C-alpha atoms as a PDB file:
ATOM      1  CA  MET A   1     158.802 151.991  84.244  1.00  0.00           C
ATOM      2  CA  ILE A   2     160.278 155.134  82.679  1.00  0.00           C
ATOM      3  CA  GLY A   3     161.070 153.128  79.548  1.00  0.00           C
ATOM      4  CA  LEU A   4     157.428 152.140  79.147  1.00  0.00           C
ATOM      5  CA  ARG A   5     156.284 155.740  79.611  1.00  0.00           C
ATOM      6  CA  LEU A   6     158.748 157.013  77.022  1.00  0.00           C
ATOM      7  CA  TYR A   7     157.739 154.219  74.642  1.00  0.00           C
ATOM      8  CA  MET A   8     154.061 155.082  75.024  1.00  0.00           C
ATOM      9  CA  ALA A   9     154.699 158.826  74.719  1.00  0.00           C
ATOM     10  CA  GLN A  10     156.565 158.293  71.462  1.00  0.00           C
ATOM     11  CA  ARG A  11     153.848 156.052  70.041  1.00  0.00           C
ATOM     12  CA  ILE A  12     151.084 158.461  71.070  1.00  0.00           C
ATOM     13  CA  THR A  13     152.890 161.438  69.543  1.00  0.00           C
ATOM     14  CA  ALA A  14     153.362 159.419  66.343  1.00  0.00           C
ATOM     15  CA  LEU A  15     149.596 158.822  66.236  1.00  0.00           C
ATOM     16  CA  LEU A  16     148.978 162.534  66.764  1.00  0.00           C
ATOM     17  CA  MET A  17     151.512 163.598  64.149  1.00  0.00           C
ATOM     18  CA  ALA A  18     150.033 161.467  61.352  1.00  0.00           C
ATOM     19  CA  PRO A  19     146.947 163.655  60.777  1.00  0.00           C
ATOM     20  CA  PHE A  20     149.014 166.818  61.355  1.00  0.00           C
ATOM     21  CA  VAL A  21     151.407 165.758  58.587  1.00  0.00           C
ATOM     22  CA  LEU A  22     148.557 164.911  56.208  1.00  0.00           C
ATOM     23  CA  VAL A  23     146.858 168.278  56.769  1.00  0.00           C
ATOM     24  CA  HIS A  24     150.181 170.105  56.456  1.00  0.00           C
ATOM     25  CA  LEU A  25     150.957 168.338  53.160  1.00  0.00           C
ATOM     26  CA  GLY A  26     147.453 169.097  51.903  1.00  0.00           C
ATOM     27  CA  VAL A  27     147.848 172.779  52.739  1.00  0.00           C
ATOM     28  CA  MET A  28     151.231 172.894  51.008  1.00  0.00           C
ATOM     29  CA  ILE A  29     149.831 171.237  47.866  1.00  0.00           C
ATOM     30  CA  TYR A  30     146.888 173.649  47.897  1.00  0.00           C
ATOM     31  CA  ALA A  31     149.233 176.630  48.231  1.00  0.00           C
ATOM     32  CA  ILE A  32     151.509 175.421  45.429  1.00  0.00           C
ATOM     33  CA  GLN A  33     148.626 174.564  43.108  1.00  0.00           C
ATOM     34  CA  GLY A  34     147.051 177.943  43.795  1.00  0.00           C
ATOM     35  CA  GLY A  35     150.324 179.706  43.083  1.00  0.00           C
ATOM     36  CA  LEU A  36     150.257 181.539  46.410  1.00  0.00           C
ATOM     37  CA  SER A  37     153.259 183.671  47.307  1.00  0.00           C
ATOM     38  CA  ALA A  38     154.816 183.701  50.761  1.00  0.00           C
ATOM     39  CA  ALA A  39     153.175 187.069  51.435  1.00  0.00           C
ATOM     40  CA  GLU A  40     149.757 185.701  50.456  1.00  0.00           C
ATOM     41  CA  ILE A  41     150.223 182.668  52.690  1.00  0.00           C
ATOM     42  CA  LEU A  42     151.238 184.879  55.629  1.00  0.00           C
ATOM     43  CA  GLY A  43     148.266 187.103  54.906  1.00  0.00           C
ATOM     44  CA  ARG A  44     145.994 184.100  55.389  1.00  0.00           C
ATOM     45  CA  THR A  45     147.687 182.838  58.549  1.00  0.00           C
ATOM     46  CA  GLN A  46     148.184 186.147  60.388  1.00  0.00           C
ATOM     47  CA  GLY A  47     145.930 186.398  63.428  1.00  0.00           C
ATOM     48  CA  SER A  48     144.486 182.911  62.967  1.00  0.00           C
ATOM     49  CA  VAL A  49     143.884 181.144  66.268  1.00  0.00           C
ATOM     50  CA  VAL A  50     143.094 177.933  64.371  1.00  0.00           C
ATOM     51  CA  TRP A  51     146.486 177.841  62.623  1.00  0.00           C
ATOM     52  CA  PHE A  52     148.208 178.845  65.853  1.00  0.00           C
ATOM     53  CA  LEU A  53     146.622 175.946  67.745  1.00  0.00           C
ATOM     54  CA  PHE A  54     147.121 173.494  64.864  1.00  0.00           C
ATOM     55  CA  TYR A  55     150.819 174.203  64.329  1.00  0.00           C
ATOM     56  CA  GLY A  56     151.464 174.765  68.043  1.00  0.00           C
ATOM     57  CA  SER A  57     150.095 171.294  68.806  1.00  0.00           C
ATOM     58  CA  PHE A  58     151.999 169.827  65.868  1.00  0.00           C
ATOM     59  CA  THR A  59     155.212 171.381  67.184  1.00  0.00           C
ATOM     60  CA  LEU A  60     154.630 170.022  70.692  1.00  0.00           C
ATOM     61  CA  ALA A  61     154.095 166.490  69.354  1.00  0.00           C
ATOM     62  CA  VAL A  62     157.210 166.714  67.159  1.00  0.00           C
ATOM     63  CA  ALA A  63     159.395 168.028  70.007  1.00  0.00           C
ATOM     64  CA  ILE A  64     158.360 165.188  72.329  1.00  0.00           C
ATOM     65  CA  HIS A  65     158.653 162.539  69.620  1.00  0.00           C
ATOM     66  CA  ALA A  66     162.058 163.711  68.394  1.00  0.00           C
ATOM     67  CA  ALA A  67     163.554 164.101  71.867  1.00  0.00           C
ATOM     68  CA  ILE A  68     162.580 160.556  72.818  1.00  0.00           C
ATOM     69  CA  GLY A  69     163.899 159.177  69.517  1.00  0.00           C
ATOM     70  CA  LEU A  70     167.198 161.020  69.860  1.00  0.00           C
ATOM     71  CA  ARG A  71     167.439 159.810  73.459  1.00  0.00           C
ATOM     72  CA  ALA A  72     167.272 156.223  72.227  1.00  0.00           C
ATOM     73  CA  ILE A  73     169.954 156.911  69.609  1.00  0.00           C
ATOM     74  CA  ALA A  74     172.217 158.635  72.152  1.00  0.00           C
ATOM     75  CA  TYR A  75     171.831 155.679  74.517  1.00  0.00           C
ATOM     76  CA  GLU A  76     172.271 152.894  71.965  1.00  0.00           C
ATOM     77  CA  TRP A  77     174.889 154.413  69.662  1.00  0.00           C
ATOM     78  CA  GLY A  78     176.472 157.113  71.786  1.00  0.00           C
ATOM     79  CA  GLY A  79     176.631 155.197  75.029  1.00  0.00           C
ATOM     80  CA  LEU A  80     175.172 158.088  77.044  1.00  0.00           C
ATOM     81  CA  LYS A  81     173.637 157.098  80.355  1.00  0.00           C
ATOM     82  CA  GLY A  82     172.293 158.631  83.525  1.00  0.00           C
ATOM     83  CA  PRO A  83     172.059 162.398  83.960  1.00  0.00           C
ATOM     84  CA  ALA A  84     173.861 163.204  80.684  1.00  0.00           C
ATOM     85  CA  LEU A  85     171.243 161.243  78.761  1.00  0.00           C
ATOM     86  CA  GLU A  86     168.335 162.870  80.577  1.00  0.00           C
ATOM     87  CA  VAL A  87     169.740 166.402  80.328  1.00  0.00           C
ATOM     88  CA  GLY A  88     170.454 165.862  76.639  1.00  0.00           C
ATOM     89  CA  MET A  89     166.910 164.649  75.986  1.00  0.00           C
ATOM     90  CA  TRP A  90     165.382 167.589  77.825  1.00  0.00           C
ATOM     91  CA  ALA A  91     167.697 170.079  76.089  1.00  0.00           C
ATOM     92  CA  VAL A  92     166.761 168.748  72.656  1.00  0.00           C
ATOM     93  CA  GLY A  93     163.053 168.656  73.484  1.00  0.00           C
ATOM     94  CA  VAL A  94     162.919 172.139  74.974  1.00  0.00           C
ATOM     95  CA  GLY A  95     165.133 173.517  72.190  1.00  0.00           C
ATOM     96  CA  LEU A  96     162.901 172.097  69.462  1.00  0.00           C
ATOM     97  CA  LEU A  97     159.805 173.303  71.267  1.00  0.00           C
ATOM     98  CA  CYS A  98     161.144 176.848  71.634  1.00  0.00           C
ATOM     99  CA  LEU A  99     162.290 177.057  68.014  1.00  0.00           C
ATOM    100  CA  GLY A 100     159.031 175.572  66.749  1.00  0.00           C
ATOM    101  CA  TRP A 101     156.778 177.782  68.835  1.00  0.00           C
ATOM    102  CA  TYR A 102     158.815 180.829  67.836  1.00  0.00           C
ATOM    103  CA  SER A 103     158.139 179.933  64.199  1.00  0.00           C
ATOM    104  CA  VAL A 104     154.446 179.307  64.849  1.00  0.00           C
ATOM    105  CA  TRP A 105     154.168 182.674  66.599  1.00  0.00           C
ATOM    106  CA  ALA A 106     155.962 184.419  63.714  1.00  0.00           C
ATOM    107  CA  VAL A 107     153.662 182.887  61.095  1.00  0.00           C
ATOM    108  CA  THR A 108     150.419 183.544  62.966  1.00  0.00           C
ATOM    109  CA  TYR A 109     151.052 186.707  64.971  1.00  0.00           C
ATOM    110  CA  GLY A 110     154.336 188.131  63.682  1.00  0.00           C
ATOM    111  CA  VAL A 111     154.700 191.045  61.321  1.00  0.00           C
ATOM    112  CA  ALA A 112     153.660 190.157  57.769  1.00  0.00           C
ATOM    113  CA  ALA A 113     156.302 190.510  55.051  1.00  0.00           C
END
């Protein structure tokens, strides 16, 4: 049963990440084409609830998706099982989530360069 839930969670996060990636790539192309500097980009993202929610949600989906994928690799290639596998998956997921949300916070509410 847990395998089915993890499978579905990974597929759902993949579906969620697809539009996030497309928007992110579009924003990057727009910024490069416009010749925006890092300071100008931060000036546009500082204090933006929309960007905070967008990239915060993107980060959550990535953390879940990556942790489940790495869990499968650790099980199949690394031979991890039981509590070590579960603790490893949670550590990776929480670690990615913390690092990602720290970055999102810095870009949207941190001190501008």
